[in-house]
Amino acid sequence: MRFRNLKRVLEKGRYVVFIACFTLFIGFLALVLIGTCRLFQVVYSIGKMTFSGSQPVSVSIISASFLSVLDIILQAVVFYLFSITLYELFIGKMSVPEWLQIKSIDDLKANLTSLVILMLAITFTEHLVTWSDGKSIMFYGISTAMVVGVLVYYYQVKKGGKVDQEK
């Protein structure tokens, strides 16, 4: 009798994941709003600098500013992806495009790995265009490359692909 009640509680406990889905979706909306506001701020600042003529507009500053907007939007996508995936894995199916359908936690990890690599590349590029110290850029690039290498290796192993190893 007690085990049946426990089983029922555990089965219904999956709906607690709805709270996480809702929270992630609110985070997604907030990040989209922040990204949109940041985009307007960047465009306004660039327009002000361009038309006032008081300062020359640096292409690297413009690039870094737009990359920061892209980074925020990608973070929003990660929140949205997690929200949908948790809902589909624990609660029920949704009407989403086929490319967005994730059937397991491993699929979610693979998508997250791809997005993290993209975010690291964007962050590195932001630093590349704004930093002037070559040594710092080199160390940051090496550390970013090592993280990307580990993520790619993990992705290949999880996917079941063969990783070439020289003996």
N, C-alpha and C. Protein backbone atom coordinates (compact mmCIF):
# COMPACT_ATOMS: atom_id res chain seq x y z
N MET A 1 0.82 -1.20 0.00
CA MET A 1 0.00 0.00 0.00
C MET A 1 0.87 1.27 0.00
N ARG A 2 1.87 1.31 0.88
CA ARG A 2 2.74 2.47 0.94
C ARG A 2 3.52 2.64 -0.36
N PHE A 3 3.92 1.53 -0.98
CA PHE A 3 4.71 1.61 -2.20
C PHE A 3 3.87 2.15 -3.36
N ARG A 4 2.58 1.83 -3.36
CA ARG A 4 1.71 2.36 -4.41
C ARG A 4 1.58 3.88 -4.29
N ASN A 5 1.47 4.36 -3.06
CA ASN A 5 1.40 5.80 -2.85
C ASN A 5 2.70 6.47 -3.26
N LEU A 6 3.82 5.86 -2.90
CA LEU A 6 5.11 6.40 -3.28
C LEU A 6 5.25 6.43 -4.80
N LYS A 7 4.82 5.36 -5.44
CA LYS A 7 4.89 5.29 -6.89
C LYS A 7 4.06 6.41 -7.51
N ARG A 8 2.87 6.64 -7.00
CA ARG A 8 2.00 7.69 -7.51
C ARG A 8 2.64 9.07 -7.31
N VAL A 9 3.22 9.30 -6.14
CA VAL A 9 3.87 10.58 -5.87
C VAL A 9 5.04 10.79 -6.82
N LEU A 10 5.84 9.73 -7.01
CA LEU A 10 6.99 9.85 -7.93
C LEU A 10 6.54 10.07 -9.36
N GLU A 11 5.48 9.39 -9.77
CA GLU A 11 4.98 9.59 -11.13
C GLU A 11 4.46 11.00 -11.34
N LYS A 12 3.78 11.55 -10.36
CA LYS A 12 3.25 12.91 -10.47
C LYS A 12 4.33 13.96 -10.23
N GLY A 13 5.43 13.56 -9.62
CA GLY A 13 6.53 14.48 -9.34
C GLY A 13 7.16 15.05 -10.60
N ARG A 14 6.96 14.36 -11.70
CA ARG A 14 7.54 14.87 -12.95
C ARG A 14 6.93 16.21 -13.33
N TYR A 15 5.73 16.50 -12.82
CA TYR A 15 5.11 17.79 -13.13
C TYR A 15 5.77 18.95 -12.39
N VAL A 16 6.59 18.64 -11.41
CA VAL A 16 7.37 19.69 -10.74
C VAL A 16 8.34 20.32 -11.74
N VAL A 17 8.72 19.54 -12.74
CA VAL A 17 9.61 20.05 -13.79
C VAL A 17 8.96 21.23 -14.52
N PHE A 18 7.62 21.28 -14.47
CA PHE A 18 6.93 22.42 -15.10
C PHE A 18 7.42 23.74 -14.52
N ILE A 19 7.71 23.77 -13.22
CA ILE A 19 8.22 24.99 -12.58
C ILE A 19 9.54 25.39 -13.23
N ALA A 20 10.42 24.40 -13.45
CA ALA A 20 11.70 24.69 -14.11
C ALA A 20 11.48 25.18 -15.54
N CYS A 21 10.55 24.55 -16.25
CA CYS A 21 10.25 24.98 -17.63
C CYS A 21 9.75 26.42 -17.66
N PHE A 22 8.84 26.74 -16.76
CA PHE A 22 8.29 28.09 -16.70
C PHE A 22 9.38 29.10 -16.34
N THR A 23 10.22 28.75 -15.38
CA THR A 23 11.31 29.64 -14.96
C THR A 23 12.28 29.88 -16.12
N LEU A 24 12.63 28.82 -16.83
CA LEU A 24 13.52 28.97 -17.98
C LEU A 24 12.89 29.82 -19.07
N PHE A 25 11.59 29.65 -19.27
CA PHE A 25 10.90 30.45 -20.29
C PHE A 25 10.88 31.92 -19.89
N ILE A 26 10.67 32.22 -18.62
CA ILE A 26 10.72 33.61 -18.15
C ILE A 26 12.13 34.16 -18.37
N GLY A 27 13.16 33.34 -18.09
CA GLY A 27 14.53 33.76 -18.35
C GLY A 27 14.76 34.04 -19.83
N PHE A 28 14.20 33.20 -20.69
CA PHE A 28 14.29 33.39 -22.14
C PHE A 28 13.69 34.74 -22.53
N LEU A 29 12.47 35.03 -22.03
CA LEU A 29 11.82 36.29 -22.36
C LEU A 29 12.63 37.49 -21.86
N ALA A 30 13.17 37.36 -20.66
CA ALA A 30 13.98 38.45 -20.10
C ALA A 30 15.23 38.69 -20.94
N LEU A 31 15.90 37.61 -21.34
CA LEU A 31 17.11 37.76 -22.15
C LEU A 31 16.82 38.34 -23.54
N VAL A 32 15.69 37.96 -24.12
CA VAL A 32 15.31 38.54 -25.41
C VAL A 32 15.06 40.04 -25.24
N LEU A 33 14.39 40.41 -24.18
CA LEU A 33 14.14 41.83 -23.91
C LEU A 33 15.45 42.58 -23.67
N ILE A 34 16.34 42.00 -22.88
CA ILE A 34 17.64 42.62 -22.62
C ILE A 34 18.44 42.74 -23.92
N GLY A 35 18.44 41.69 -24.73
CA GLY A 35 19.16 41.72 -26.00
C GLY A 35 18.61 42.78 -26.95
N THR A 36 17.29 42.89 -26.98
CA THR A 36 16.65 43.90 -27.83
C THR A 36 17.01 45.31 -27.36
N CYS A 37 16.92 45.53 -26.05
CA CYS A 37 17.29 46.85 -25.50
C CYS A 37 18.76 47.16 -25.78
N ARG A 38 19.60 46.15 -25.62
CA ARG A 38 21.04 46.34 -25.88
C ARG A 38 21.28 46.68 -27.35
N LEU A 39 20.55 46.03 -28.25
CA LEU A 39 20.69 46.32 -29.68
C LEU A 39 20.31 47.77 -29.97
N PHE A 40 19.19 48.22 -29.42
CA PHE A 40 18.79 49.61 -29.62
C PHE A 40 19.83 50.57 -29.04
N GLN A 41 20.38 50.21 -27.89
CA GLN A 41 21.41 51.03 -27.26
C GLN A 41 22.66 51.12 -28.15
N VAL A 42 23.06 49.99 -28.71
CA VAL A 42 24.24 49.95 -29.59
C VAL A 42 24.00 50.79 -30.84
N VAL A 43 22.85 50.59 -31.47
CA VAL A 43 22.54 51.34 -32.69
C VAL A 43 22.48 52.84 -32.39
N TYR A 44 21.85 53.21 -31.27
CA TYR A 44 21.78 54.62 -30.89
C TYR A 44 23.19 55.19 -30.67
N SER A 45 24.02 54.47 -29.94
CA SER A 45 25.38 54.95 -29.65
C SER A 45 26.21 55.11 -30.93
N ILE A 46 26.10 54.14 -31.82
CA ILE A 46 26.85 54.21 -33.09
C ILE A 46 26.34 55.38 -33.93
N GLY A 47 25.02 55.54 -33.99
CA GLY A 47 24.45 56.65 -34.74
C GLY A 47 24.87 57.99 -34.16
N LYS A 48 24.87 58.08 -32.86
CA LYS A 48 25.27 59.33 -32.18
C LYS A 48 26.74 59.66 -32.48
N MET A 49 27.61 58.64 -32.40
CA MET A 49 29.04 58.87 -32.68
C MET A 49 29.26 59.22 -34.15
N THR A 50 28.52 58.56 -35.02
CA THR A 50 28.69 58.77 -36.46
C THR A 50 28.24 60.17 -36.87
N PHE A 51 27.07 60.56 -36.42
CA PHE A 51 26.50 61.81 -36.90
C PHE A 51 26.97 63.04 -36.12
N SER A 52 27.49 62.83 -34.92
CA SER A 52 27.99 64.00 -34.17
C SER A 52 29.37 64.39 -34.66
N GLY A 53 30.10 63.41 -35.17
CA GLY A 53 31.43 63.68 -35.69
C GLY A 53 32.46 63.97 -34.62
N SER A 54 32.05 63.82 -33.36
CA SER A 54 32.99 64.13 -32.27
C SER A 54 34.05 63.05 -32.11
N GLN A 55 33.69 61.83 -32.41
CA GLN A 55 34.64 60.72 -32.27
C GLN A 55 34.61 59.89 -33.54
N PRO A 56 35.77 59.41 -33.96
CA PRO A 56 35.76 58.47 -35.09
C PRO A 56 35.18 57.14 -34.61
N VAL A 57 34.40 56.52 -35.48
CA VAL A 57 33.76 55.25 -35.13
C VAL A 57 34.72 54.12 -35.44
N SER A 58 35.08 53.37 -34.42
CA SER A 58 35.99 52.24 -34.57
C SER A 58 35.22 50.99 -34.98
N VAL A 59 35.67 50.36 -36.04
CA VAL A 59 35.01 49.14 -36.53
C VAL A 59 35.09 48.04 -35.48
N SER A 60 36.19 47.96 -34.74
CA SER A 60 36.32 46.92 -33.72
C SER A 60 35.34 47.14 -32.58
N ILE A 61 35.09 48.38 -32.22
CA ILE A 61 34.10 48.68 -31.16
C ILE A 61 32.69 48.31 -31.65
N ILE A 62 32.40 48.64 -32.90
CA ILE A 62 31.09 48.29 -33.47
C ILE A 62 30.92 46.78 -33.48
N SER A 63 31.94 46.07 -33.94
CA SER A 63 31.88 44.61 -33.99
C SER A 63 31.67 44.02 -32.61
N ALA A 64 32.43 44.48 -31.64
CA ALA A 64 32.32 43.96 -30.28
C ALA A 64 30.93 44.23 -29.71
N SER A 65 30.39 45.40 -30.01
CA SER A 65 29.06 45.75 -29.50
C SER A 65 27.99 44.83 -30.08
N PHE A 66 28.03 44.59 -31.38
CA PHE A 66 27.05 43.70 -31.98
C PHE A 66 27.26 42.25 -31.54
N LEU A 67 28.49 41.86 -31.33
CA LEU A 67 28.75 40.50 -30.83
C LEU A 67 28.20 40.32 -29.43
N SER A 68 28.24 41.36 -28.61
CA SER A 68 27.67 41.25 -27.26
C SER A 68 26.16 41.04 -27.33
N VAL A 69 25.51 41.68 -28.30
CA VAL A 69 24.07 41.47 -28.51
C VAL A 69 23.82 40.02 -28.94
N LEU A 70 24.62 39.53 -29.86
CA LEU A 70 24.49 38.17 -30.33
C LEU A 70 24.68 37.17 -29.19
N ASP A 71 25.61 37.44 -28.31
CA ASP A 71 25.86 36.58 -27.16
C ASP A 71 24.63 36.50 -26.26
N ILE A 72 24.00 37.63 -26.01
CA ILE A 72 22.80 37.65 -25.17
C ILE A 72 21.68 36.85 -25.83
N ILE A 73 21.50 37.02 -27.13
CA ILE A 73 20.45 36.30 -27.85
C ILE A 73 20.71 34.79 -27.83
N LEU A 74 21.97 34.40 -27.97
CA LEU A 74 22.30 32.97 -27.90
C LEU A 74 22.01 32.41 -26.51
N GLN A 75 22.26 33.18 -25.48
CA GLN A 75 21.92 32.72 -24.13
C GLN A 75 20.41 32.55 -24.02
N ALA A 76 19.66 33.43 -24.63
CA ALA A 76 18.20 33.30 -24.64
C ALA A 76 17.78 32.00 -25.33
N VAL A 77 18.44 31.68 -26.45
CA VAL A 77 18.14 30.45 -27.17
C VAL A 77 18.40 29.22 -26.29
N VAL A 78 19.48 29.26 -25.53
CA VAL A 78 19.79 28.14 -24.63
C VAL A 78 18.66 27.98 -23.60
N PHE A 79 18.19 29.06 -23.03
CA PHE A 79 17.09 28.98 -22.06
C PHE A 79 15.83 28.41 -22.71
N TYR A 80 15.53 28.88 -23.92
CA TYR A 80 14.34 28.40 -24.63
C TYR A 80 14.46 26.91 -24.96
N LEU A 81 15.62 26.52 -25.44
CA LEU A 81 15.86 25.12 -25.77
C LEU A 81 15.69 24.23 -24.55
N PHE A 82 16.24 24.64 -23.43
CA PHE A 82 16.09 23.86 -22.20
C PHE A 82 14.64 23.80 -21.74
N SER A 83 13.95 24.91 -21.85
CA SER A 83 12.54 24.95 -21.44
C SER A 83 11.71 23.95 -22.24
N ILE A 84 11.85 24.00 -23.54
CA ILE A 84 11.08 23.09 -24.40
C ILE A 84 11.50 21.64 -24.17
N THR A 85 12.79 21.42 -24.07
CA THR A 85 13.29 20.05 -23.93
C THR A 85 12.83 19.42 -22.62
N LEU A 86 12.95 20.14 -21.53
CA LEU A 86 12.50 19.59 -20.25
C LEU A 86 11.01 19.29 -20.28
N TYR A 87 10.24 20.17 -20.90
CA TYR A 87 8.81 19.93 -21.02
C TYR A 87 8.54 18.64 -21.81
N GLU A 88 9.21 18.50 -22.95
CA GLU A 88 8.98 17.32 -23.78
C GLU A 88 9.48 16.03 -23.13
N LEU A 89 10.58 16.11 -22.41
CA LEU A 89 11.13 14.90 -21.79
C LEU A 89 10.33 14.44 -20.57
N PHE A 90 9.77 15.37 -19.81
CA PHE A 90 9.13 14.99 -18.55
C PHE A 90 7.62 15.13 -18.53
N ILE A 91 7.06 16.04 -19.32
CA ILE A 91 5.63 16.32 -19.19
C ILE A 91 4.84 15.81 -20.39
N GLY A 92 5.17 16.26 -21.57
CA GLY A 92 4.43 15.82 -22.75
C GLY A 92 4.98 16.43 -24.01
N LYS A 93 4.49 15.94 -25.13
CA LYS A 93 4.97 16.39 -26.43
C LYS A 93 4.41 17.77 -26.76
N MET A 94 5.18 18.49 -27.55
CA MET A 94 4.77 19.82 -28.02
C MET A 94 4.85 19.84 -29.54
N SER A 95 4.17 20.79 -30.12
CA SER A 95 4.23 20.96 -31.57
C SER A 95 5.40 21.89 -31.89
N VAL A 96 6.56 21.29 -32.14
CA VAL A 96 7.76 22.05 -32.46
C VAL A 96 8.35 21.50 -33.75
N PRO A 97 9.16 22.31 -34.44
CA PRO A 97 9.80 21.81 -35.67
C PRO A 97 10.65 20.57 -35.36
N GLU A 98 10.85 19.76 -36.37
CA GLU A 98 11.59 18.50 -36.18
C GLU A 98 13.01 18.73 -35.67
N TRP A 99 13.66 19.78 -36.13
CA TRP A 99 15.03 20.05 -35.71
C TRP A 99 15.11 20.43 -34.24
N LEU A 100 13.97 20.81 -33.65
CA LEU A 100 13.94 21.20 -32.25
C LEU A 100 13.50 20.06 -31.33
N GLN A 101 13.09 18.95 -31.93
CA GLN A 101 12.65 17.81 -31.13
C GLN A 101 13.86 17.08 -30.56
N ILE A 102 13.87 16.98 -29.26
CA ILE A 102 14.96 16.31 -28.55
C ILE A 102 14.34 15.15 -27.79
N LYS A 103 14.87 13.97 -28.02
CA LYS A 103 14.25 12.77 -27.47
C LYS A 103 14.96 12.21 -26.24
N SER A 104 16.11 12.77 -25.92
CA SER A 104 16.84 12.26 -24.75
C SER A 104 17.72 13.36 -24.18
N ILE A 105 18.20 13.10 -22.99
CA ILE A 105 19.12 14.04 -22.34
C ILE A 105 20.40 14.16 -23.17
N ASP A 106 20.84 13.07 -23.80
CA ASP A 106 22.04 13.12 -24.63
C ASP A 106 21.86 14.05 -25.83
N ASP A 107 20.67 14.05 -26.42
CA ASP A 107 20.39 15.00 -27.51
C ASP A 107 20.48 16.44 -27.00
N LEU A 108 19.97 16.66 -25.80
CA LEU A 108 20.04 17.99 -25.20
C LEU A 108 21.48 18.40 -24.95
N LYS A 109 22.28 17.47 -24.44
CA LYS A 109 23.70 17.76 -24.19
C LYS A 109 24.43 18.09 -25.49
N ALA A 110 24.09 17.36 -26.55
CA ALA A 110 24.74 17.62 -27.85
C ALA A 110 24.40 19.03 -28.34
N ASN A 111 23.13 19.41 -28.24
CA ASN A 111 22.73 20.75 -28.67
C ASN A 111 23.37 21.81 -27.79
N LEU A 112 23.41 21.54 -26.49
CA LEU A 112 24.03 22.50 -25.58
C LEU A 112 25.51 22.64 -25.87
N THR A 113 26.18 21.53 -26.17
CA THR A 113 27.60 21.57 -26.49
C THR A 113 27.84 22.46 -27.71
N SER A 114 27.02 22.31 -28.73
CA SER A 114 27.16 23.14 -29.93
C SER A 114 26.97 24.62 -29.61
N LEU A 115 25.96 24.91 -28.80
CA LEU A 115 25.70 26.30 -28.46
C LEU A 115 26.81 26.89 -27.59
N VAL A 116 27.35 26.09 -26.67
CA VAL A 116 28.45 26.58 -25.82
C VAL A 116 29.68 26.88 -26.67
N ILE A 117 29.97 26.01 -27.63
CA ILE A 117 31.11 26.25 -28.52
C ILE A 117 30.90 27.55 -29.30
N LEU A 118 29.71 27.75 -29.80
CA LEU A 118 29.40 28.98 -30.54
C LEU A 118 29.53 30.20 -29.63
N MET A 119 29.05 30.11 -28.40
CA MET A 119 29.15 31.23 -27.46
C MET A 119 30.61 31.51 -27.10
N LEU A 120 31.41 30.46 -26.95
CA LEU A 120 32.84 30.66 -26.67
C LEU A 120 33.52 31.36 -27.84
N ALA A 121 33.16 30.96 -29.05
CA ALA A 121 33.76 31.59 -30.24
C ALA A 121 33.37 33.07 -30.30
N ILE A 122 32.14 33.38 -30.00
CA ILE A 122 31.69 34.77 -30.03
C ILE A 122 32.41 35.57 -28.94
N THR A 123 32.50 35.00 -27.74
CA THR A 123 33.18 35.69 -26.65
C THR A 123 34.65 35.92 -26.98
N PHE A 124 35.30 34.92 -27.57
CA PHE A 124 36.69 35.09 -27.96
C PHE A 124 36.83 36.20 -28.99
N THR A 125 35.94 36.22 -29.96
CA THR A 125 35.99 37.25 -31.00
C THR A 125 35.77 38.64 -30.40
N GLU A 126 34.85 38.74 -29.44
CA GLU A 126 34.64 40.02 -28.75
C GLU A 126 35.94 40.51 -28.12
N HIS A 127 36.62 39.59 -27.42
CA HIS A 127 37.88 39.96 -26.77
C HIS A 127 38.97 40.27 -27.80
N LEU A 128 38.97 39.54 -28.87
CA LEU A 128 39.98 39.73 -29.91
C LEU A 128 39.92 41.14 -30.49
N VAL A 129 38.71 41.64 -30.71
CA VAL A 129 38.61 42.96 -31.33
C VAL A 129 38.76 44.11 -30.33
N THR A 130 38.66 43.82 -29.03
CA THR A 130 38.76 44.92 -28.06
C THR A 130 40.09 44.93 -27.30
N TRP A 131 40.72 43.78 -27.14
CA TRP A 131 41.97 43.74 -26.40
C TRP A 131 43.13 44.17 -27.29
N SER A 132 44.14 44.76 -26.67
CA SER A 132 45.32 45.15 -27.44
C SER A 132 46.56 44.37 -27.00
N ASP A 133 46.50 43.69 -25.87
CA ASP A 133 47.63 42.93 -25.35
C ASP A 133 47.68 41.55 -26.03
N GLY A 134 48.66 41.36 -26.89
CA GLY A 134 48.78 40.11 -27.65
C GLY A 134 48.93 38.87 -26.77
N LYS A 135 49.67 39.01 -25.68
CA LYS A 135 49.90 37.88 -24.78
C LYS A 135 48.59 37.41 -24.12
N SER A 136 47.79 38.36 -23.69
CA SER A 136 46.50 38.02 -23.08
C SER A 136 45.58 37.33 -24.09
N ILE A 137 45.58 37.86 -25.30
CA ILE A 137 44.76 37.25 -26.36
C ILE A 137 45.22 35.82 -26.61
N MET A 138 46.53 35.61 -26.65
CA MET A 138 47.05 34.27 -26.90
C MET A 138 46.63 33.30 -25.79
N PHE A 139 46.80 33.70 -24.53
CA PHE A 139 46.42 32.81 -23.43
C PHE A 139 44.92 32.55 -23.40
N TYR A 140 44.14 33.58 -23.66
CA TYR A 140 42.69 33.41 -23.71
C TYR A 140 42.29 32.49 -24.86
N GLY A 141 42.94 32.66 -26.01
CA GLY A 141 42.67 31.81 -27.16
C GLY A 141 43.03 30.36 -26.91
N ILE A 142 44.17 30.13 -26.26
CA ILE A 142 44.60 28.77 -25.95
C ILE A 142 43.61 28.12 -24.99
N SER A 143 43.22 28.85 -23.96
CA SER A 143 42.28 28.26 -23.00
C SER A 143 40.91 28.01 -23.64
N THR A 144 40.47 28.90 -24.49
CA THR A 144 39.20 28.70 -25.20
C THR A 144 39.30 27.48 -26.13
N ALA A 145 40.42 27.37 -26.84
CA ALA A 145 40.62 26.23 -27.74
C ALA A 145 40.64 24.91 -26.97
N MET A 146 41.22 24.91 -25.78
CA MET A 146 41.25 23.69 -24.98
C MET A 146 39.84 23.29 -24.55
N VAL A 147 39.05 24.25 -24.13
CA VAL A 147 37.67 23.95 -23.73
C VAL A 147 36.87 23.44 -24.94
N VAL A 148 37.02 24.10 -26.08
CA VAL A 148 36.33 23.67 -27.29
C VAL A 148 36.77 22.26 -27.68
N GLY A 149 38.07 22.00 -27.58
CA GLY A 149 38.59 20.67 -27.90
C GLY A 149 37.98 19.59 -27.02
N VAL A 150 37.88 19.85 -25.75
CA VAL A 150 37.28 18.88 -24.82
C VAL A 150 35.80 18.68 -25.15
N LEU A 151 35.09 19.76 -25.45
CA LEU A 151 33.67 19.64 -25.78
C LEU A 151 33.46 18.86 -27.08
N VAL A 152 34.29 19.11 -28.07
CA VAL A 152 34.18 18.38 -29.34
C VAL A 152 34.50 16.90 -29.12
N TYR A 153 35.52 16.63 -28.33
CA TYR A 153 35.87 15.23 -28.02
C TYR A 153 34.71 14.54 -27.30
N TYR A 154 34.14 15.21 -26.32
CA TYR A 154 33.00 14.66 -25.58
C TYR A 154 31.84 14.39 -26.53
N TYR A 155 31.55 15.34 -27.40
CA TYR A 155 30.46 15.20 -28.35
C TYR A 155 30.69 14.00 -29.27
N GLN A 156 31.93 13.85 -29.76
CA GLN A 156 32.25 12.73 -30.64
C GLN A 156 32.11 11.39 -29.93
N VAL A 157 32.58 11.32 -28.69
CA VAL A 157 32.49 10.08 -27.92
C VAL A 157 31.03 9.74 -27.64
N LYS A 158 30.23 10.73 -27.24
CA LYS A 158 28.81 10.49 -26.95
C LYS A 158 28.05 10.09 -28.20
N LYS A 159 28.44 10.66 -29.33
CA LYS A 159 27.77 10.37 -30.59
C LYS A 159 28.12 8.96 -31.08
N GLY A 160 29.17 8.39 -30.52
CA GLY A 160 29.58 7.06 -30.95
C GLY A 160 30.57 7.10 -32.08
N GLY A 161 31.05 8.28 -32.39
CA GLY A 161 32.02 8.42 -33.47
C GLY A 161 33.39 7.98 -33.01
N LYS A 162 34.21 7.67 -33.94
CA LYS A 162 35.57 7.26 -33.63
C LYS A 162 36.44 8.49 -33.51
N VAL A 163 37.25 8.49 -32.50
CA VAL A 163 38.20 9.57 -32.30
C VAL A 163 39.56 9.03 -32.69
N ASP A 164 40.19 9.68 -33.69
CA ASP A 164 41.50 9.22 -34.15
C ASP A 164 42.54 9.39 -33.07
N GLN A 165 43.25 8.31 -32.82
CA GLN A 165 44.35 8.37 -31.85
C GLN A 165 45.55 7.75 -32.48
N GLU A 166 46.66 8.47 -32.46
CA GLU A 166 47.90 7.93 -32.98
C GLU A 166 48.58 7.13 -31.89
N LYS A 167 49.12 5.98 -32.26
CA LYS A 167 49.78 5.13 -31.27
C LYS A 167 51.26 5.14 -31.47
